[in-house]
Amino acid sequence: MLSFIQTGGFFMWPLLACSILTLAIILERFWTLRKNSVAPKGLLSDVMMRLRDDKMTLDYIRGMQSKTGLASIFAAGLVSSKHGRGAMKESVQEAASHVIHELERFMNTLGTIAAISPLLGLLGTVVGMIKVFAVLMENGAGNTALLAGGISEALLTTAAGLGVAIPALIFHRFFSRRIDELVVTMEQQSTKLVDAIHGDREKAGVAQ
């Protein structure tokens, strides 16, 4: 590996840093964007059951506040639900904006790596070809070792740049799609909670 990097020249080092950062982000995003962690399937039914049975306690809400994702959104809505539908929706939207911001963490970095890695590889290619032409100007075409070194540097940086950029781009698209799905799920679940709480209260008010 070290000889491969040394053969590729200076630009292999920033590409190596990009590859390590890409791998770290991919592993972190896989862990963070788990659906069971962000939007647990049975959370809404559990909350609704507690509300129906009058078992919604302050400790339970505080427990949800300490979590991330849909649980924190529900907690924000439940705390402000007594102030009316408008206040509850506003609290839910504010909490959701914070959750979405956390879900999108490192996505810009991953997209930037996907964009700059081929450019770094191309820059390495240009530098390598400049060395090749410099050797041709000084020694002619007879010094094949120096010519091969410059050509190898040019080809290796191009391959390395693409090797980093392609996975970064694939996973950027993959995680963006997963985030969109999680946001839609959380929006639907939050809307159901708001409608359930204030729909019941509105019906009770009409009945009276």
C-alpha atoms as a PDB file:
ATOM      1  CA  MET A   1       0.000   0.000   0.000  1.00  0.00           C
ATOM      2  CA  LEU A   2       2.770   2.426   0.935  1.00  0.00           C
ATOM      3  CA  SER A   3       4.648   1.747  -2.294  1.00  0.00           C
ATOM      4  CA  PHE A   4       1.428   2.248  -4.229  1.00  0.00           C
ATOM      5  CA  ILE A   5       0.958   5.655  -2.594  1.00  0.00           C
ATOM      6  CA  GLN A   6       4.587   6.633  -3.105  1.00  0.00           C
ATOM      7  CA  THR A   7       4.409   5.679  -6.767  1.00  0.00           C
ATOM      8  CA  GLY A   8       1.321   7.821  -7.229  1.00  0.00           C
ATOM      9  CA  GLY A   9       3.038  10.909  -5.875  1.00  0.00           C
ATOM     10  CA  PHE A  10       1.973  13.710  -3.568  1.00  0.00           C
ATOM     11  CA  PHE A  11      -1.721  13.744  -4.535  1.00  0.00           C
ATOM     12  CA  MET A  12      -2.198  10.190  -3.319  1.00  0.00           C
ATOM     13  CA  TRP A  13      -1.969  11.429   0.285  1.00  0.00           C
ATOM     14  CA  PRO A  14      -5.014  13.746   0.150  1.00  0.00           C
ATOM     15  CA  LEU A  15      -6.858  10.999  -1.732  1.00  0.00           C
ATOM     16  CA  LEU A  16      -5.943   8.545   1.031  1.00  0.00           C
ATOM     17  CA  ALA A  17      -7.290  11.016   3.618  1.00  0.00           C
ATOM     18  CA  CYS A  18     -10.499  11.349   1.582  1.00  0.00           C
ATOM     19  CA  SER A  19     -10.898   7.569   1.428  1.00  0.00           C
ATOM     20  CA  ILE A  20     -10.485   7.194   5.196  1.00  0.00           C
ATOM     21  CA  LEU A  21     -12.945  10.022   5.865  1.00  0.00           C
ATOM     22  CA  THR A  22     -15.423   8.511   3.401  1.00  0.00           C
ATOM     23  CA  LEU A  23     -15.266   5.134   5.121  1.00  0.00           C
ATOM     24  CA  ALA A  24     -15.744   6.739   8.545  1.00  0.00           C
ATOM     25  CA  ILE A  25     -18.770   8.728   7.367  1.00  0.00           C
ATOM     26  CA  ILE A  26     -20.348   5.690   5.694  1.00  0.00           C
ATOM     27  CA  LEU A  27     -20.028   3.583   8.848  1.00  0.00           C
ATOM     28  CA  GLU A  28     -21.334   6.414  11.053  1.00  0.00           C
ATOM     29  CA  ARG A  29     -24.311   7.098   8.765  1.00  0.00           C
ATOM     30  CA  PHE A  30     -25.240   3.414   8.624  1.00  0.00           C
ATOM     31  CA  TRP A  31     -25.326   3.371  12.422  1.00  0.00           C
ATOM     32  CA  THR A  32     -27.145   6.689  12.835  1.00  0.00           C
ATOM     33  CA  LEU A  33     -29.752   6.245  10.098  1.00  0.00           C
ATOM     34  CA  ARG A  34     -31.125   2.949  11.350  1.00  0.00           C
ATOM     35  CA  LYS A  35     -34.894   3.055  11.006  1.00  0.00           C
ATOM     36  CA  ASN A  36     -35.473   1.316  14.346  1.00  0.00           C
ATOM     37  CA  SER A  37     -33.435   4.037  16.025  1.00  0.00           C
ATOM     38  CA  VAL A  38     -34.798   7.106  14.201  1.00  0.00           C
ATOM     39  CA  ALA A  39     -38.444   6.126  13.737  1.00  0.00           C
ATOM     40  CA  PRO A  40     -39.319   3.019  15.804  1.00  0.00           C
ATOM     41  CA  LYS A  41     -42.269   1.157  14.335  1.00  0.00           C
ATOM     42  CA  GLY A  42     -44.307   0.743  17.527  1.00  0.00           C
ATOM     43  CA  LEU A  43     -43.670   4.176  19.042  1.00  0.00           C
ATOM     44  CA  LEU A  44     -46.898   5.827  17.864  1.00  0.00           C
ATOM     45  CA  SER A  45     -49.082   2.937  19.011  1.00  0.00           C
ATOM     46  CA  ASP A  46     -47.354   2.943  22.408  1.00  0.00           C
ATOM     47  CA  VAL A  47     -47.902   6.679  22.835  1.00  0.00           C
ATOM     48  CA  MET A  48     -51.526   6.406  21.740  1.00  0.00           C
ATOM     49  CA  MET A  49     -52.128   3.519  24.140  1.00  0.00           C
ATOM     50  CA  ARG A  50     -50.712   5.537  27.036  1.00  0.00           C
ATOM     51  CA  LEU A  51     -52.844   8.534  26.131  1.00  0.00           C
ATOM     52  CA  ARG A  52     -55.949   6.401  25.824  1.00  0.00           C
ATOM     53  CA  ASP A  53     -55.313   4.674  29.159  1.00  0.00           C
ATOM     54  CA  ASP A  54     -54.279   7.961  30.822  1.00  0.00           C
ATOM     55  CA  LYS A  55     -50.825   6.554  31.558  1.00  0.00           C
ATOM     56  CA  MET A  56     -48.782   9.307  29.919  1.00  0.00           C
ATOM     57  CA  THR A  57     -46.322  10.349  32.621  1.00  0.00           C
ATOM     58  CA  LEU A  58     -43.733  13.107  32.807  1.00  0.00           C
ATOM     59  CA  ASP A  59     -40.967  10.529  33.197  1.00  0.00           C
ATOM     60  CA  TYR A  60     -42.008   8.840  29.970  1.00  0.00           C
ATOM     61  CA  ILE A  61     -41.935  12.166  28.107  1.00  0.00           C
ATOM     62  CA  ARG A  62     -38.529  13.004  29.563  1.00  0.00           C
ATOM     63  CA  GLY A  63     -37.297   9.613  28.421  1.00  0.00           C
ATOM     64  CA  MET A  64     -38.394  10.416  24.885  1.00  0.00           C
ATOM     65  CA  GLN A  65     -36.728  13.841  25.078  1.00  0.00           C
ATOM     66  CA  SER A  66     -33.409  12.165  25.806  1.00  0.00           C
ATOM     67  CA  LYS A  67     -33.672  10.144  22.597  1.00  0.00           C
ATOM     68  CA  THR A  68     -33.207  11.205  19.004  1.00  0.00           C
ATOM     69  CA  GLY A  69     -35.496  11.089  16.005  1.00  0.00           C
ATOM     70  CA  LEU A  70     -39.230  10.599  16.212  1.00  0.00           C
ATOM     71  CA  ALA A  71     -39.243  10.163  20.007  1.00  0.00           C
ATOM     72  CA  SER A  72     -37.923  13.691  20.574  1.00  0.00           C
ATOM     73  CA  ILE A  73     -40.487  15.083  18.121  1.00  0.00           C
ATOM     74  CA  PHE A  74     -43.317  13.325  19.936  1.00  0.00           C
ATOM     75  CA  ALA A  75     -42.003  14.609  23.274  1.00  0.00           C
ATOM     76  CA  ALA A  76     -41.985  18.199  22.015  1.00  0.00           C
ATOM     77  CA  GLY A  77     -45.542  17.829  20.723  1.00  0.00           C
ATOM     78  CA  LEU A  78     -46.857  16.220  23.900  1.00  0.00           C
ATOM     79  CA  VAL A  79     -45.364  18.948  26.108  1.00  0.00           C
ATOM     80  CA  SER A  80     -47.076  21.698  24.126  1.00  0.00           C
ATOM     81  CA  SER A  81     -50.306  19.815  23.322  1.00  0.00           C
ATOM     82  CA  LYS A  82     -52.196  21.513  26.168  1.00  0.00           C
ATOM     83  CA  HIS A  83     -51.675  24.895  24.486  1.00  0.00           C
ATOM     84  CA  GLY A  84     -53.724  23.981  21.421  1.00  0.00           C
ATOM     85  CA  ARG A  85     -53.288  22.433  18.020  1.00  0.00           C
ATOM     86  CA  GLY A  86     -51.327  25.353  16.578  1.00  0.00           C
ATOM     87  CA  ALA A  87     -48.795  25.375  19.397  1.00  0.00           C
ATOM     88  CA  MET A  88     -48.385  21.622  19.200  1.00  0.00           C
ATOM     89  CA  LYS A  89     -47.790  21.677  15.436  1.00  0.00           C
ATOM     90  CA  GLU A  90     -45.275  24.491  15.819  1.00  0.00           C
ATOM     91  CA  SER A  91     -43.357  22.572  18.494  1.00  0.00           C
ATOM     92  CA  VAL A  92     -43.392  19.432  16.363  1.00  0.00           C
ATOM     93  CA  GLN A  93     -42.059  21.333  13.346  1.00  0.00           C
ATOM     94  CA  GLU A  94     -39.308  22.973  15.382  1.00  0.00           C
ATOM     95  CA  ALA A  95     -38.226  19.641  16.869  1.00  0.00           C
ATOM     96  CA  ALA A  96     -38.388  18.023  13.422  1.00  0.00           C
ATOM     97  CA  SER A  97     -36.068  20.656  11.960  1.00  0.00           C
ATOM     98  CA  HIS A  98     -33.445  19.788  14.581  1.00  0.00           C
ATOM     99  CA  VAL A  99     -33.862  16.058  13.905  1.00  0.00           C
ATOM    100  CA  ILE A 100     -33.535  16.526  10.143  1.00  0.00           C
ATOM    101  CA  HIS A 101     -30.411  18.616  10.671  1.00  0.00           C
ATOM    102  CA  GLU A 102     -28.880  15.743  12.638  1.00  0.00           C
ATOM    103  CA  LEU A 103     -29.910  13.221   9.983  1.00  0.00           C
ATOM    104  CA  GLU A 104     -28.162  15.272   7.294  1.00  0.00           C
ATOM    105  CA  ARG A 105     -24.927  15.604   9.252  1.00  0.00           C
ATOM    106  CA  PHE A 106     -21.796  14.821   7.184  1.00  0.00           C
ATOM    107  CA  MET A 107     -23.835  14.530   3.979  1.00  0.00           C
ATOM    108  CA  ASN A 108     -22.304  17.724   2.561  1.00  0.00           C
ATOM    109  CA  THR A 109     -18.855  16.384   3.415  1.00  0.00           C
ATOM    110  CA  LEU A 110     -19.578  13.120   1.632  1.00  0.00           C
ATOM    111  CA  GLY A 111     -20.884  14.986  -1.412  1.00  0.00           C
ATOM    112  CA  THR A 112     -17.828  17.245  -1.434  1.00  0.00           C
ATOM    113  CA  ILE A 113     -15.483  14.245  -1.356  1.00  0.00           C
ATOM    114  CA  ALA A 114     -17.383  12.703  -4.272  1.00  0.00           C
ATOM    115  CA  ALA A 115     -16.905  15.948  -6.211  1.00  0.00           C
ATOM    116  CA  ILE A 116     -13.263  16.767  -5.444  1.00  0.00           C
ATOM    117  CA  SER A 117     -11.716  13.290  -5.547  1.00  0.00           C
ATOM    118  CA  PRO A 118     -11.798  13.015  -9.370  1.00  0.00           C
ATOM    119  CA  LEU A 119     -10.395  16.553  -9.557  1.00  0.00           C
ATOM    120  CA  LEU A 120      -7.516  15.621  -7.251  1.00  0.00           C
ATOM    121  CA  GLY A 121      -6.903  12.551  -9.401  1.00  0.00           C
ATOM    122  CA  LEU A 122      -6.992  14.695 -12.535  1.00  0.00           C
ATOM    123  CA  LEU A 123      -4.570  17.172 -10.993  1.00  0.00           C
ATOM    124  CA  GLY A 124      -2.226  14.306 -10.182  1.00  0.00           C
ATOM    125  CA  THR A 125      -2.548  13.133 -13.770  1.00  0.00           C
ATOM    126  CA  VAL A 126      -1.640  16.561 -15.108  1.00  0.00           C
ATOM    127  CA  VAL A 127       1.388  16.799 -12.795  1.00  0.00           C
ATOM    128  CA  GLY A 128       2.494  13.311 -13.842  1.00  0.00           C
ATOM    129  CA  MET A 129       2.210  14.155 -17.544  1.00  0.00           C
ATOM    130  CA  ILE A 130       4.145  17.388 -16.983  1.00  0.00           C
ATOM    131  CA  LYS A 131       6.941  15.271 -15.508  1.00  0.00           C
ATOM    132  CA  VAL A 132       6.813  12.972 -18.522  1.00  0.00           C
ATOM    133  CA  PHE A 133       7.166  15.863 -20.956  1.00  0.00           C
ATOM    134  CA  ALA A 134       9.925  17.393 -18.832  1.00  0.00           C
ATOM    135  CA  VAL A 135      11.862  14.111 -19.093  1.00  0.00           C
ATOM    136  CA  LEU A 136      11.281  14.035 -22.844  1.00  0.00           C
ATOM    137  CA  MET A 137      12.616  17.571 -23.189  1.00  0.00           C
ATOM    138  CA  GLU A 138      15.747  16.898 -21.112  1.00  0.00           C
ATOM    139  CA  ASN A 139      16.658  13.321 -22.002  1.00  0.00           C
ATOM    140  CA  GLY A 140      14.629  12.443 -25.038  1.00  0.00           C
ATOM    141  CA  ALA A 141      12.640   9.229 -25.281  1.00  0.00           C
ATOM    142  CA  GLY A 142      15.548   7.015 -24.240  1.00  0.00           C
ATOM    143  CA  ASN A 143      15.077   7.237 -20.463  1.00  0.00           C
ATOM    144  CA  THR A 144      12.215   4.795 -20.168  1.00  0.00           C
ATOM    145  CA  ALA A 145      12.442   4.483 -16.367  1.00  0.00           C
ATOM    146  CA  LEU A 146      11.700   8.137 -15.783  1.00  0.00           C
ATOM    147  CA  LEU A 147       9.007   8.112 -18.440  1.00  0.00           C
ATOM    148  CA  ALA A 148       7.355   5.081 -16.832  1.00  0.00           C
ATOM    149  CA  GLY A 149       7.469   6.758 -13.423  1.00  0.00           C
ATOM    150  CA  GLY A 150       5.665   9.842 -14.662  1.00  0.00           C
ATOM    151  CA  ILE A 151       3.070   7.813 -16.557  1.00  0.00           C
ATOM    152  CA  SER A 152       2.476   5.563 -13.515  1.00  0.00           C
ATOM    153  CA  GLU A 153       1.969   8.606 -11.304  1.00  0.00           C
ATOM    154  CA  ALA A 154      -0.529  10.008 -13.770  1.00  0.00           C
ATOM    155  CA  LEU A 155      -2.526   6.773 -14.090  1.00  0.00           C
ATOM    156  CA  LEU A 156      -2.484   5.891 -10.382  1.00  0.00           C
ATOM    157  CA  THR A 157      -3.862   9.232  -9.224  1.00  0.00           C
ATOM    158  CA  THR A 158      -6.653   9.032 -11.795  1.00  0.00           C
ATOM    159  CA  ALA A 159      -7.595   5.539 -10.669  1.00  0.00           C
ATOM    160  CA  ALA A 160      -7.373   6.502  -6.996  1.00  0.00           C
ATOM    161  CA  GLY A 161      -9.525   9.582  -7.505  1.00  0.00           C
ATOM    162  CA  LEU A 162     -12.238   7.565  -9.206  1.00  0.00           C
ATOM    163  CA  GLY A 163     -11.898   4.790  -6.636  1.00  0.00           C
ATOM    164  CA  VAL A 164     -12.714   7.258  -3.859  1.00  0.00           C
ATOM    165  CA  ALA A 165     -15.344   9.280  -5.722  1.00  0.00           C
ATOM    166  CA  ILE A 166     -17.513   6.409  -6.957  1.00  0.00           C
ATOM    167  CA  PRO A 167     -18.305   4.872  -3.533  1.00  0.00           C
ATOM    168  CA  ALA A 168     -18.717   8.343  -2.024  1.00  0.00           C
ATOM    169  CA  LEU A 169     -21.259   9.268  -4.688  1.00  0.00           C
ATOM    170  CA  ILE A 170     -23.126   5.960  -4.416  1.00  0.00           C
ATOM    171  CA  PHE A 171     -23.483   6.198  -0.646  1.00  0.00           C
ATOM    172  CA  HIS A 172     -24.352   9.894  -0.789  1.00  0.00           C
ATOM    173  CA  ARG A 173     -27.323   9.027  -3.014  1.00  0.00           C
ATOM    174  CA  PHE A 174     -28.179   6.023  -0.846  1.00  0.00           C
ATOM    175  CA  PHE A 175     -28.190   7.956   2.421  1.00  0.00           C
ATOM    176  CA  SER A 176     -30.046  10.895   0.870  1.00  0.00           C
ATOM    177  CA  ARG A 177     -32.798   8.502  -0.175  1.00  0.00           C
ATOM    178  CA  ARG A 178     -32.916   6.937   3.290  1.00  0.00           C
ATOM    179  CA  ILE A 179     -33.149  10.367   4.930  1.00  0.00           C
ATOM    180  CA  ASP A 180     -36.050  11.314   2.654  1.00  0.00           C
ATOM    181  CA  GLU A 181     -37.874   8.115   3.613  1.00  0.00           C
ATOM    182  CA  LEU A 182     -37.294   8.723   7.330  1.00  0.00           C
ATOM    183  CA  VAL A 183     -38.489  12.329   7.071  1.00  0.00           C
ATOM    184  CA  VAL A 184     -41.710  11.246   5.332  1.00  0.00           C
ATOM    185  CA  THR A 185     -42.306   8.562   7.961  1.00  0.00           C
ATOM    186  CA  MET A 186     -41.751  10.993  10.840  1.00  0.00           C
ATOM    187  CA  GLU A 187     -44.014  13.584   9.220  1.00  0.00           C
ATOM    188  CA  GLN A 188     -46.824  11.058   8.815  1.00  0.00           C
ATOM    189  CA  GLN A 189     -46.466   9.764  12.366  1.00  0.00           C
ATOM    190  CA  SER A 190     -46.359  13.277  13.853  1.00  0.00           C
ATOM    191  CA  THR A 191     -49.445  14.320  11.902  1.00  0.00           C
ATOM    192  CA  LYS A 192     -51.315  11.270  13.180  1.00  0.00           C
ATOM    193  CA  LEU A 193     -50.385  12.140  16.767  1.00  0.00           C
ATOM    194  CA  VAL A 194     -51.524  15.756  16.432  1.00  0.00           C
ATOM    195  CA  ASP A 195     -54.788  14.717  14.769  1.00  0.00           C
ATOM    196  CA  ALA A 196     -55.412  12.034  17.382  1.00  0.00           C
ATOM    197  CA  ILE A 197     -54.912  14.346  20.365  1.00  0.00           C
ATOM    198  CA  HIS A 198     -56.715  17.435  19.121  1.00  0.00           C
ATOM    199  CA  GLY A 199     -59.263  15.534  17.065  1.00  0.00           C
ATOM    200  CA  ASP A 200     -60.446  13.818  20.242  1.00  0.00           C
ATOM    201  CA  ARG A 201     -60.502  17.093  22.149  1.00  0.00           C
ATOM    202  CA  GLU A 202     -62.428  18.872  19.412  1.00  0.00           C
ATOM    203  CA  LYS A 203     -64.977  16.066  19.321  1.00  0.00           C
ATOM    204  CA  ALA A 204     -65.326  16.247  23.095  1.00  0.00           C
ATOM    205  CA  GLY A 205     -65.891  19.991  22.891  1.00  0.00           C
ATOM    206  CA  VAL A 206     -68.586  19.621  20.265  1.00  0.00           C
ATOM    207  CA  ALA A 207     -70.318  16.909  22.286  1.00  0.00           C
ATOM    208  CA  GLN A 208     -70.499  19.219  25.284  1.00  0.00           C
END
